[in-house]
């Protein structure tokens, strides 16, 4: 069973890509909606609660963990892999970085993800010659959660946030937040057709499929847990999964 967690509902965009690649595998999702957003929290908080969530998922039967949260992937992935040795843990950075091409890379994410500098560090380890430009885009998350995917205000905000990437001539733009793939059309329009947009959710789903290629899926039922009632879940689940999901509200912490 695959365990997936995020600070809220945005991780459903990762679930979407896992379902595409591995429709036969049951999944247990936990969204920590009682304590969101992680993107504005400190590293110690993110590490502490990410560890609590993984421990809870393992006790619920998860055998593989996907850290769908980019902030947790940035602040806590190495800590979590060390703490839960022997558990396959997939985070959002590594798989996406392997798909980077070109010399000028743009990164957009939450303030916490951008502040961590993790994407820059990993990208430069991958290729020290890269030129990297990053920008926090905090308004994207509430716009998605309102369902304002293609409103004029959303296009204007995207244009303001992303004009620097267009002016700098970036080759790739990494969507370093689980909400941002839901704005992919607007983002692509803002940066121009010459920029390759990388959705890490697609990257991690492909890597997970490769890892599970010779393993049999456990028979079970996918479940969606949230630590508090999620805001606009129907809109987000429809955007990501084209269906309504039945949330189980449970705060184990």
Protein backbone atom coordinates (compact mmCIF):
# COMPACT_ATOMS: atom_id res chain seq x y z
CA UNK A 1 0.00 0.00 0.00
CA UNK A 2 1.25 3.47 -0.91
CA UNK A 3 1.07 6.20 1.72
CA UNK A 4 0.92 9.79 0.46
CA UNK A 5 0.89 12.92 2.59
CA UNK A 6 0.68 16.67 2.16
CA UNK A 7 -0.13 19.63 4.37
CA UNK A 8 -3.57 19.85 2.76
CA UNK A 9 -5.49 19.04 -0.41
CA UNK A 10 -2.83 19.98 -2.97
CA UNK A 11 -1.28 16.53 -2.74
CA UNK A 12 -4.28 15.22 -4.65
CA UNK A 13 -2.45 16.45 -7.77
CA UNK A 14 0.22 13.86 -6.92
CA UNK A 15 -2.44 11.20 -6.31
CA UNK A 16 -3.77 12.01 -9.79
CA UNK A 17 -0.46 11.10 -11.40
CA UNK A 18 -0.01 7.98 -9.25
CA UNK A 19 -3.48 6.80 -10.28
CA UNK A 20 -2.50 7.28 -13.93
CA UNK A 21 0.66 5.22 -13.61
CA UNK A 22 -0.46 2.68 -10.97
CA UNK A 23 -4.26 2.39 -11.05
CA UNK A 24 -4.16 -1.08 -9.49
CA UNK A 25 -2.46 0.01 -6.26
CA UNK A 26 -4.44 1.01 -3.15
CA UNK A 27 -3.42 4.26 -1.54
CA UNK A 28 -3.81 5.94 1.84
CA UNK A 29 -3.69 9.74 1.77
CA UNK A 30 -3.26 12.07 4.72
CA UNK A 31 -3.74 15.82 4.42
CA UNK A 32 -2.75 17.75 7.54
CA UNK A 33 -5.41 20.40 7.09
CA UNK A 34 -5.46 21.19 10.82
CA UNK A 35 -1.95 22.62 10.58
CA UNK A 36 -1.67 23.89 7.01
CA UNK A 37 0.06 25.57 5.34
CA UNK A 38 3.48 24.00 5.86
CA UNK A 39 4.86 26.51 3.36
CA UNK A 40 5.03 29.26 5.99
CA UNK A 41 6.23 27.05 8.87
CA UNK A 42 9.78 26.54 10.13
CA UNK A 43 11.99 23.54 9.40
CA UNK A 44 11.65 22.01 12.90
CA UNK A 45 7.86 22.08 12.74
CA UNK A 46 7.80 20.50 9.28
CA UNK A 47 10.24 17.74 10.29
CA UNK A 48 8.33 16.96 13.48
CA UNK A 49 4.89 16.66 11.92
CA UNK A 50 6.13 14.91 8.77
CA UNK A 51 7.66 12.24 10.99
CA UNK A 52 4.43 11.89 12.97
CA UNK A 53 2.44 11.47 9.75
CA UNK A 54 4.78 8.84 8.33
CA UNK A 55 4.67 6.88 11.59
CA UNK A 56 0.86 7.02 11.47
CA UNK A 57 0.74 5.93 7.81
CA UNK A 58 3.01 2.98 8.50
CA UNK A 59 0.78 1.89 11.38
CA UNK A 60 -2.20 2.09 8.98
CA UNK A 61 -0.50 -0.38 6.64
CA UNK A 62 1.47 1.82 4.24
CA UNK A 63 4.69 0.17 3.05
CA UNK A 64 5.89 2.94 0.71
CA UNK A 65 5.77 6.67 1.47
CA UNK A 66 5.39 9.54 -0.99
CA UNK A 67 6.10 12.98 0.46
CA UNK A 68 3.74 14.93 -1.78
CA UNK A 69 4.39 18.16 0.14
CA UNK A 70 7.17 20.19 -1.49
CA UNK A 71 7.95 22.03 1.74
CA UNK A 72 8.34 18.74 3.60
CA UNK A 73 10.38 17.34 0.71
CA UNK A 74 12.62 20.41 0.90
CA UNK A 75 13.03 20.74 4.66
CA UNK A 76 12.65 17.17 5.88
CA UNK A 77 13.33 14.48 3.24
CA UNK A 78 16.87 13.60 4.35
CA UNK A 79 15.83 13.65 8.01
CA UNK A 80 12.87 11.36 7.30
CA UNK A 81 14.86 8.88 5.20
CA UNK A 82 17.38 8.60 8.03
CA UNK A 83 14.69 8.24 10.70
CA UNK A 84 12.70 5.60 8.79
CA UNK A 85 15.54 3.50 7.40
CA UNK A 86 14.32 0.53 5.42
CA UNK A 87 11.10 2.29 4.34
CA UNK A 88 11.07 3.36 0.67
CA UNK A 89 10.45 7.12 0.79
CA UNK A 90 9.90 9.13 -2.39
CA UNK A 91 10.15 12.92 -2.32
CA UNK A 92 9.38 15.52 -4.95
CA UNK A 93 12.83 16.93 -5.78
CA UNK A 94 15.00 14.05 -6.95
CA UNK A 95 12.76 12.57 -9.67
CA UNK A 96 12.02 15.99 -11.20
CA UNK A 97 15.65 17.11 -11.22
CA UNK A 98 16.57 14.08 -13.32
CA UNK A 99 14.31 15.46 -16.06
CA UNK A 100 15.82 18.95 -16.17
CA UNK A 101 17.37 20.06 -19.44
CA UNK A 102 18.78 23.40 -20.59
CA UNK A 103 20.93 25.91 -18.72
CA UNK A 104 18.49 28.37 -17.13
CA UNK A 105 16.05 26.89 -14.63
CA UNK A 106 13.13 28.64 -12.95
CA UNK A 107 11.56 27.42 -9.70
CA UNK A 108 8.24 28.55 -8.26
CA UNK A 109 6.92 27.39 -4.90
CA UNK A 110 5.67 28.36 -1.46
CA UNK A 111 7.75 30.72 0.71
CA UNK A 112 8.97 27.76 2.80
CA UNK A 113 10.09 25.75 -0.20
CA UNK A 114 11.90 28.70 -1.77
CA UNK A 115 13.45 29.80 1.54
CA UNK A 116 14.87 26.30 2.13
CA UNK A 117 17.10 26.57 -0.95
CA UNK A 118 16.80 22.81 -1.38
CA UNK A 119 15.91 22.90 -5.06
CA UNK A 120 18.87 25.14 -5.84
CA UNK A 121 21.24 22.91 -3.87
CA UNK A 122 20.04 19.69 -5.53
CA UNK A 123 20.03 21.24 -9.00
CA UNK A 124 23.60 22.48 -8.63
CA UNK A 125 24.70 19.04 -7.41
CA UNK A 126 23.12 17.67 -10.59
CA UNK A 127 24.75 20.31 -12.80
CA UNK A 128 26.99 23.02 -11.27
CA UNK A 129 26.76 25.13 -14.43
CA UNK A 130 23.04 25.79 -14.17
CA UNK A 131 21.69 29.30 -13.71
CA UNK A 132 18.77 29.11 -11.30
CA UNK A 133 16.05 31.68 -10.62
CA UNK A 134 13.45 31.10 -7.92
CA UNK A 135 10.31 32.90 -6.83
CA UNK A 136 7.73 32.31 -4.11
CA UNK A 137 4.18 32.59 -5.48
CA UNK A 138 2.00 32.44 -2.33
CA UNK A 139 -1.20 33.71 -3.99
CA UNK A 140 -1.41 30.69 -6.29
CA UNK A 141 -2.58 28.38 -3.49
CA UNK A 142 -5.65 30.39 -2.39
CA UNK A 143 -6.57 31.04 -6.03
CA UNK A 144 -6.59 27.29 -6.70
CA UNK A 145 -8.52 26.55 -3.53
CA UNK A 146 -11.18 29.07 -4.56
CA UNK A 147 -11.41 27.24 -7.88
CA UNK A 148 -10.35 30.38 -9.76
CA UNK A 149 -8.33 28.41 -12.28
CA UNK A 150 -8.84 30.58 -15.33
CA UNK A 151 -10.14 33.86 -13.93
CA UNK A 152 -8.77 37.18 -15.13
CA UNK A 153 -7.27 37.89 -11.71
CA UNK A 154 -5.43 34.53 -11.79
CA UNK A 155 -3.96 35.30 -15.21
CA UNK A 156 -2.89 38.74 -13.98
CA UNK A 157 -1.24 37.33 -10.85
CA UNK A 158 0.54 34.68 -12.93
CA UNK A 159 1.75 37.32 -15.36
CA UNK A 160 3.15 39.43 -12.53
CA UNK A 161 4.84 36.52 -10.76
CA UNK A 162 6.30 34.93 -13.89
CA UNK A 163 7.38 37.84 -16.03
CA UNK A 164 10.91 37.69 -14.63
CA UNK A 165 11.29 34.11 -15.87
CA UNK A 166 10.14 35.10 -19.32
CA UNK A 167 12.50 38.09 -19.35
CA UNK A 168 15.44 35.93 -18.23
CA UNK A 169 14.77 33.34 -20.93
CA UNK A 170 14.53 30.26 -18.69
CA UNK A 171 14.54 26.86 -20.42
CA UNK A 172 12.65 24.92 -17.72
CA UNK A 173 10.19 25.99 -15.04
CA UNK A 174 9.69 23.64 -12.07
CA UNK A 175 6.28 23.68 -10.35
CA UNK A 176 7.53 23.20 -6.79
CA UNK A 177 4.12 23.16 -5.11
CA UNK A 178 1.36 20.56 -5.36
CA UNK A 179 -1.26 23.23 -6.13
CA UNK A 180 0.57 24.70 -9.10
CA UNK A 181 -0.10 21.91 -11.65
CA UNK A 182 -3.76 22.89 -11.43
CA UNK A 183 -2.73 26.26 -12.90
CA UNK A 184 -0.47 24.74 -15.55
CA UNK A 185 -2.33 26.23 -18.52
CA UNK A 186 -2.24 29.71 -17.03
CA UNK A 187 1.43 29.29 -16.10
CA UNK A 188 2.36 28.06 -19.57
CA UNK A 189 0.61 31.04 -21.13
CA UNK A 190 2.46 33.43 -18.83
CA UNK A 191 5.97 32.07 -19.50
CA UNK A 192 5.54 31.32 -23.21
CA UNK A 193 5.57 28.20 -25.33
CA UNK A 194 9.37 27.94 -25.42
CA UNK A 195 9.63 27.06 -21.71
CA UNK A 196 9.44 23.42 -20.63
CA UNK A 197 7.19 23.18 -17.57
CA UNK A 198 8.14 20.32 -15.22
CA UNK A 199 5.46 18.89 -12.94
CA UNK A 200 7.28 16.89 -10.20
CA UNK A 201 4.10 14.91 -9.52
CA UNK A 202 4.47 13.27 -12.93
CA UNK A 203 8.16 12.63 -12.28
CA UNK A 204 7.64 10.93 -8.91
CA UNK A 205 4.76 8.81 -10.25
CA UNK A 206 6.99 7.49 -13.05
CA UNK A 207 9.78 6.70 -10.58
CA UNK A 208 7.32 4.94 -8.28
CA UNK A 209 6.03 2.85 -11.19
CA UNK A 210 9.58 1.79 -12.05
CA UNK A 211 10.24 0.86 -8.40
CA UNK A 212 7.07 -1.28 -8.25
CA UNK A 213 7.52 -2.91 -11.66
CA UNK A 214 8.11 -6.42 -10.25
CA UNK A 215 5.89 -6.17 -7.17
CA UNK A 216 2.30 -7.31 -6.77
CA UNK A 217 -0.23 -4.75 -5.48
CA UNK A 218 -1.91 -5.34 -2.15
CA UNK A 219 -5.66 -5.84 -2.36
CA UNK A 220 -7.25 -2.93 -0.55
CA UNK A 221 -9.26 0.25 -0.75
CA UNK A 222 -7.96 3.78 -1.27
CA UNK A 223 -8.76 6.09 1.64
CA UNK A 224 -8.43 9.84 2.10
CA UNK A 225 -7.79 11.17 5.61
CA UNK A 226 -7.64 14.80 6.70
CA UNK A 227 -6.82 16.17 10.15
CA UNK A 228 -9.57 18.80 9.81
CA UNK A 229 -12.39 19.48 7.39
CA UNK A 230 -10.66 20.46 4.12
CA UNK A 231 -11.65 23.70 2.43
CA UNK A 232 -13.30 23.35 -0.99
CA UNK A 233 -12.45 19.66 -1.21
CA UNK A 234 -15.13 19.02 -3.82
CA UNK A 235 -13.60 21.60 -6.18
CA UNK A 236 -10.04 20.35 -5.71
CA UNK A 237 -10.92 16.66 -5.97
CA UNK A 238 -12.86 17.36 -9.15
CA UNK A 239 -9.93 19.31 -10.61
CA UNK A 240 -7.44 16.58 -9.74
CA UNK A 241 -9.40 13.34 -9.90
CA UNK A 242 -12.54 14.30 -11.81
CA UNK A 243 -14.62 12.91 -8.96
CA UNK A 244 -15.73 13.69 -5.46
CA UNK A 245 -13.97 11.81 -2.71
CA UNK A 246 -15.26 10.78 0.68
CA UNK A 247 -13.00 12.35 3.33
CA UNK A 248 -12.33 10.71 6.67
CA UNK A 249 -11.72 13.44 9.27
CA UNK A 250 -9.20 12.26 11.85
CA UNK A 251 -6.50 14.15 13.71
CA UNK A 252 -4.23 11.53 15.30
CA UNK A 253 -1.87 14.14 16.78
